[in-house]
Protein backbone atom coordinates (compact mmCIF):
# COMPACT_ATOMS: atom_id res chain seq x y z
CA MET A 1 -69.54 34.45 59.86
CA SER A 2 -69.83 31.99 62.70
CA GLU A 3 -73.02 30.13 63.25
CA GLU A 4 -75.00 31.66 66.07
CA ILE A 5 -74.72 29.61 69.23
CA THR A 6 -76.47 30.16 72.54
CA GLU A 7 -74.89 28.37 75.48
CA THR A 8 -77.34 26.86 77.99
CA LEU A 9 -77.05 24.66 81.04
CA VAL A 10 -77.80 20.98 80.49
CA GLU A 11 -81.43 20.06 81.13
CA VAL A 12 -82.39 16.40 80.65
CA GLU A 13 -84.68 13.80 82.16
CA THR A 14 -83.87 12.61 85.68
CA PRO A 15 -80.78 10.37 85.44
CA THR A 16 -80.88 6.87 86.90
CA THR A 17 -77.22 5.82 86.61
CA ILE A 18 -73.87 7.55 86.94
CA ASN A 19 -73.36 7.14 83.19
CA ASP A 20 -76.35 9.44 82.56
CA LEU A 21 -74.67 12.38 84.28
CA GLU A 22 -73.23 15.29 82.34
CA PRO A 23 -71.40 18.44 83.50
CA LYS A 24 -73.69 21.37 84.41
CA MET A 25 -76.71 19.06 84.73
CA LYS A 26 -79.11 20.37 87.39
CA LEU A 27 -80.41 17.78 89.87
CA LYS A 28 -82.40 17.46 93.09
CA GLY A 29 -80.83 15.57 95.99
CA ILE A 30 -81.13 14.70 99.67
CA VAL A 31 -78.30 15.46 102.10
CA LYS A 32 -77.23 12.14 103.63
CA ARG A 33 -74.09 12.93 105.63
CA LEU A 34 -72.09 15.96 106.74
CA GLU A 35 -68.30 16.02 106.97
CA LEU A 36 -65.79 18.74 107.80
CA TYR A 37 -64.86 19.04 104.11
CA GLY A 38 -68.36 18.88 102.61
CA ALA A 39 -71.60 16.93 102.38
CA PHE A 40 -72.67 13.71 100.67
CA VAL A 41 -75.89 13.94 98.68
CA ASP A 42 -78.12 11.19 97.29
CA ILE A 43 -79.03 12.21 93.71
CA GLY A 44 -80.66 8.88 92.82
CA VAL A 45 -77.97 7.24 90.69
CA GLY A 46 -76.71 4.61 93.11
CA ALA A 47 -73.64 6.58 94.28
CA ASN A 48 -73.71 9.56 96.59
CA ALA A 49 -72.31 12.84 95.27
CA LEU A 50 -69.96 15.08 97.22
CA VAL A 51 -70.50 18.81 97.61
CA HIS A 52 -67.16 20.24 98.73
CA ILE A 53 -67.35 23.01 101.33
CA SER A 54 -66.01 25.48 98.74
CA LYS A 55 -68.98 24.66 96.49
CA LEU A 56 -71.71 25.28 99.07
CA SER A 57 -72.00 29.04 98.48
CA LYS A 58 -70.37 31.95 96.70
CA GLU A 59 -69.69 33.36 100.16
CA ARG A 60 -67.06 31.90 102.49
CA VAL A 61 -68.39 28.97 104.55
CA ASN A 62 -66.68 28.12 107.85
CA ARG A 63 -68.72 25.05 108.74
CA VAL A 64 -70.82 22.79 106.53
CA SER A 65 -73.49 22.67 109.23
CA ASP A 66 -73.96 26.43 108.86
CA ILE A 67 -75.47 25.74 105.44
CA LEU A 68 -76.85 22.20 105.48
CA THR A 69 -78.41 19.62 107.78
CA GLU A 70 -79.00 15.93 107.13
CA GLY A 71 -82.28 15.35 105.32
CA ASP A 72 -82.29 18.70 103.47
CA GLU A 73 -83.53 18.59 99.88
CA ILE A 74 -81.23 20.73 97.74
CA SER A 75 -80.55 21.62 94.11
CA VAL A 76 -77.08 20.85 92.77
CA TRP A 77 -75.21 21.00 89.49
CA VAL A 78 -72.91 18.25 88.27
CA ASP A 79 -69.27 19.34 88.34
CA LYS A 80 -67.14 16.24 87.70
CA VAL A 81 -67.95 12.56 87.16
CA ASN A 82 -65.70 9.49 87.28
CA PRO A 83 -67.84 6.42 86.48
CA ASP A 84 -64.92 4.00 86.91
CA ASN A 85 -64.38 5.05 90.53
CA GLN A 86 -68.05 5.83 91.18
CA GLN A 87 -67.09 9.39 92.13
CA ILE A 88 -69.40 12.36 91.60
CA MET A 89 -68.62 15.97 92.45
CA VAL A 90 -71.51 18.44 92.50
CA SER A 91 -71.94 22.12 93.36
CA MET A 92 -74.63 24.23 94.94
CA ILE A 93 -73.30 27.23 93.01
CA GLU A 94 -74.96 27.57 89.61
CA PRO A 95 -72.26 27.24 86.93
CA LEU A 96 -71.64 29.80 84.23
CA ALA A 97 -73.33 29.22 80.89
CA VAL A 98 -70.11 30.32 79.15
CA GLU A 99 -66.74 29.41 80.67
CA TRP A 100 -63.47 31.05 79.67
CA THR A 101 -62.51 27.77 78.01
CA ASP A 102 -65.68 27.94 75.88
CA LEU A 103 -64.78 31.29 74.32
CA GLN A 104 -63.43 31.37 70.79
CA THR A 105 -62.70 34.30 68.51
CA GLY A 106 -65.46 34.48 65.90
CA GLN A 107 -67.97 32.64 68.09
CA ALA A 108 -71.50 34.10 68.14
CA TYR A 109 -73.73 34.39 71.19
CA THR A 110 -77.11 35.75 72.17
CA GLY A 111 -76.71 38.31 74.95
CA ARG A 112 -78.53 41.02 76.85
CA VAL A 113 -77.56 44.69 77.15
CA ASN A 114 -76.71 45.34 80.81
CA ARG A 115 -75.12 48.80 80.72
CA LEU A 116 -74.58 51.67 78.31
CA GLU A 117 -71.54 53.94 78.55
CA ASN A 118 -70.26 56.73 76.31
CA PHE A 119 -67.67 54.37 74.82
CA GLY A 120 -69.88 51.32 74.26
CA ALA A 121 -72.31 48.75 75.62
CA PHE A 122 -71.75 45.97 78.14
CA ILE A 123 -73.40 42.69 77.16
CA ASP A 124 -74.18 39.69 79.37
CA ILE A 125 -73.56 36.47 77.45
CA GLY A 126 -73.57 34.24 80.53
CA ALA A 127 -69.83 34.51 81.17
CA GLU A 128 -68.00 35.51 84.35
CA ARG A 129 -67.62 39.06 83.05
CA GLU A 130 -69.78 41.17 80.78
CA GLY A 131 -68.46 41.62 77.27
CA LEU A 132 -67.84 45.08 75.83
CA VAL A 133 -69.12 46.17 72.44
CA HIS A 134 -67.10 49.28 71.62
CA ILE A 135 -69.20 52.09 70.12
CA SER A 136 -67.44 51.55 66.77
CA GLU A 137 -68.69 47.92 66.76
CA LEU A 138 -72.39 48.71 67.37
CA SER A 139 -73.33 49.53 63.78
CA HIS A 140 -71.94 50.08 60.30
CA GLY A 141 -73.34 53.61 60.52
CA TYR A 142 -72.27 56.46 62.77
CA VAL A 143 -73.46 56.18 66.40
CA LYS A 144 -72.95 59.19 68.66
CA HIS A 145 -74.02 57.37 71.83
CA PRO A 146 -74.95 53.68 72.36
CA SER A 147 -78.41 54.71 73.61
CA GLU A 148 -79.21 55.80 70.05
CA ALA A 149 -79.00 52.17 68.95
CA TYR A 150 -79.92 50.03 71.98
CA ASN A 151 -81.62 50.10 75.35
CA VAL A 152 -80.73 48.31 78.58
CA GLY A 153 -82.46 44.92 78.49
CA ASP A 154 -82.35 44.52 74.71
CA GLU A 155 -81.46 41.06 73.42
CA VAL A 156 -78.68 41.21 70.84
CA GLN A 157 -76.55 38.91 68.72
CA VAL A 158 -72.82 39.41 69.25
CA GLN A 159 -69.57 37.94 67.95
CA VAL A 160 -66.38 37.49 69.97
CA LEU A 161 -63.57 39.69 68.65
CA GLY A 162 -61.08 38.69 71.32
CA PHE A 163 -60.76 37.89 75.01
CA SER A 164 -58.24 37.72 77.84
CA LYS A 165 -58.80 35.66 80.97
CA ARG A 166 -55.80 37.36 82.60
CA LYS A 167 -57.31 40.82 82.04
CA ARG A 168 -60.82 39.41 82.58
CA ARG A 169 -61.97 41.09 79.41
CA ILE A 170 -64.20 40.04 76.49
CA ASP A 171 -64.40 42.19 73.35
CA LEU A 172 -67.56 41.76 71.29
CA SER A 173 -69.07 43.10 68.08
CA ILE A 174 -72.65 43.53 66.91
CA LYS A 175 -71.61 45.05 63.60
CA ALA A 176 -69.77 41.87 62.57
CA LEU A 177 -73.07 39.99 62.37
CA LEU A 178 -74.89 42.70 60.40
CA ASP A 179 -74.95 43.04 56.63
CA ALA A 180 -72.73 45.90 55.56
CA PRO A 181 -74.40 48.70 53.56
CA GLU A 182 -73.04 49.75 50.20
CA ALA A 183 -69.90 51.82 50.70
CA THR A 184 -70.07 55.55 50.00
CA GLU A 185 -67.05 57.41 48.69
CA SER A 186 -65.35 59.94 50.95
CA TYR A 187 -61.90 61.22 51.80
CA GLY A 188 -59.52 58.37 52.60
CA GLY A 189 -61.72 55.75 50.95
CA ARG A 190 -63.86 55.26 54.07
CA GLY A 191 -67.62 55.73 53.93
CA ARG A 192 -68.83 59.05 55.32
CA ASN A 193 -71.05 57.23 57.80
CA GLN A 194 -68.50 54.64 58.84
CA PRO A 195 -67.09 55.10 62.35
CA GLU A 196 -63.40 54.42 62.74
CA SER A 197 -62.84 50.97 64.21
CA TYR A 198 -59.82 49.09 65.45
CA SER A 199 -57.04 48.43 62.94
CA PHE A 200 -54.91 45.32 63.34
CA GLU A 201 -53.17 45.47 59.95
CA PRO A 202 -49.48 46.44 60.05
CA GLU A 203 -48.74 49.69 58.25
CA GLU A 204 -45.59 51.52 57.24
CA GLU A 205 -43.69 53.29 59.99
CA PHE A 206 -43.36 57.06 60.17
CA GLU A 207 -42.65 59.66 62.81
CA GLU A 208 -45.66 61.12 64.52
CA GLU A 209 -46.03 63.31 67.60
CA VAL A 210 -48.31 61.58 70.11
CA MET A 211 -50.35 63.91 72.30
CA PRO A 212 -52.44 62.60 75.22
CA THR A 213 -56.16 63.22 74.62
CA ALA A 214 -58.36 65.20 77.01
CA MET A 215 -60.14 61.97 78.00
CA GLU A 216 -56.85 60.22 78.73
CA ILE A 217 -55.59 63.17 80.82
CA ALA A 218 -58.83 63.25 82.83
CA MET A 219 -58.81 59.49 83.43
CA ARG A 220 -55.15 59.44 84.41
CA ARG A 221 -55.73 62.28 86.89
CA ALA A 222 -58.76 60.44 88.29
CA MET A 223 -56.61 57.33 88.82
CA GLY A 224 -53.78 59.40 90.35
CA GLU A 225 -51.41 58.54 87.52
CA PRO A 226 -48.88 60.96 85.94
CA VAL A 227 -49.93 62.69 82.72
CA PRO A 228 -47.47 61.80 79.93
CA SER A 229 -45.67 64.55 78.00
CA PRO A 230 -45.77 64.65 74.20
CA THR A 231 -43.26 62.17 72.75
CA ARG A 232 -41.77 61.73 69.35
CA GLY A 233 -40.74 58.39 67.94
CA LYS A 234 -41.50 55.78 65.36
CA LYS A 235 -45.09 54.63 65.40
CA ARG A 236 -46.95 52.29 63.10
CA GLY A 237 -49.39 54.05 60.77
CA ARG A 238 -51.78 56.74 61.97
CA ARG A 239 -54.71 54.34 62.43
CA LYS A 240 -52.45 51.96 64.33
CA SER A 241 -51.29 54.80 66.64
CA ARG A 242 -54.88 55.78 67.33
CA ALA A 243 -55.74 52.16 68.05
CA ARG A 244 -52.91 51.98 70.59
CA MET A 245 -54.04 55.21 72.25
CA ARG A 246 -57.58 53.87 72.36
CA GLU A 247 -56.35 50.62 73.95
CA GLN A 248 -54.52 52.65 76.61
CA GLN A 249 -57.62 54.73 77.28
CA GLU A 250 -59.83 51.65 77.52
CA ASP A 251 -57.35 49.98 79.86
CA ILE A 252 -57.64 52.97 82.19
CA MET A 253 -61.44 52.89 81.88
CA ASP A 254 -61.44 49.15 82.59
CA ARG A 255 -59.34 49.66 85.74
CA THR A 256 -61.56 52.56 86.82
CA LEU A 257 -64.69 50.45 86.41
CA ARG A 258 -63.02 47.53 88.21
CA VAL A 259 -62.12 49.75 91.17
CA ARG A 260 -65.69 51.05 91.36
CA HIS A 261 -67.09 47.51 91.03
CA ASP A 262 -64.78 45.98 93.66
CA GLY A 263 -65.29 48.94 96.01
């Protein structure tokens, strides 16, 4: 189990030289000069820092003077530092606590429950996107709905199961950081109270008829996609087939949520 780590922005005493600066450090500064491409800010280290026009706001900025005037006192975060060339880049946009490059499978974070859906809970760990804890990863015991285990606003410990910057998706687990109860015997060797989770182990191949589930049909119709007909072919073990179907369903759900969020 990974050691629990909570990512935070750098907070130190006021720096006095360029060598004291670190990425994500929050500073106060005075706007000294405006240019078409940005503004130069005195942050008290002997070299003025540049805020590029793209770093002035999350919204599009047409002119620097629309946001700043000379003499303004502003808060900035250190972006890049080159002590040899006395160059400092800062941003007025607060950086993420967890960047995509910071994520590692098995890493643990402290997060907050932002949303509860039938299929799981969305957790804010300070990244660009919320992470999803699938309902099967909430507890070692059976959970009918995430609201039975957690409430919006709860602080939870989560572990990264996987992530994809391209898909802008982070898969998390709460169960992975909890002590497992003693197993109870039941059909198939799985505890009676154990929800079925993802299976990544390769299994023997066999023929199995794959039928679209009611949820998949409904989601595909909602997205205006064709409903697939039953197909027959070689699939990897039953649990693997279910995992693939679940991945397809979650992909549709993810796109549905993205459309609603962007709209």
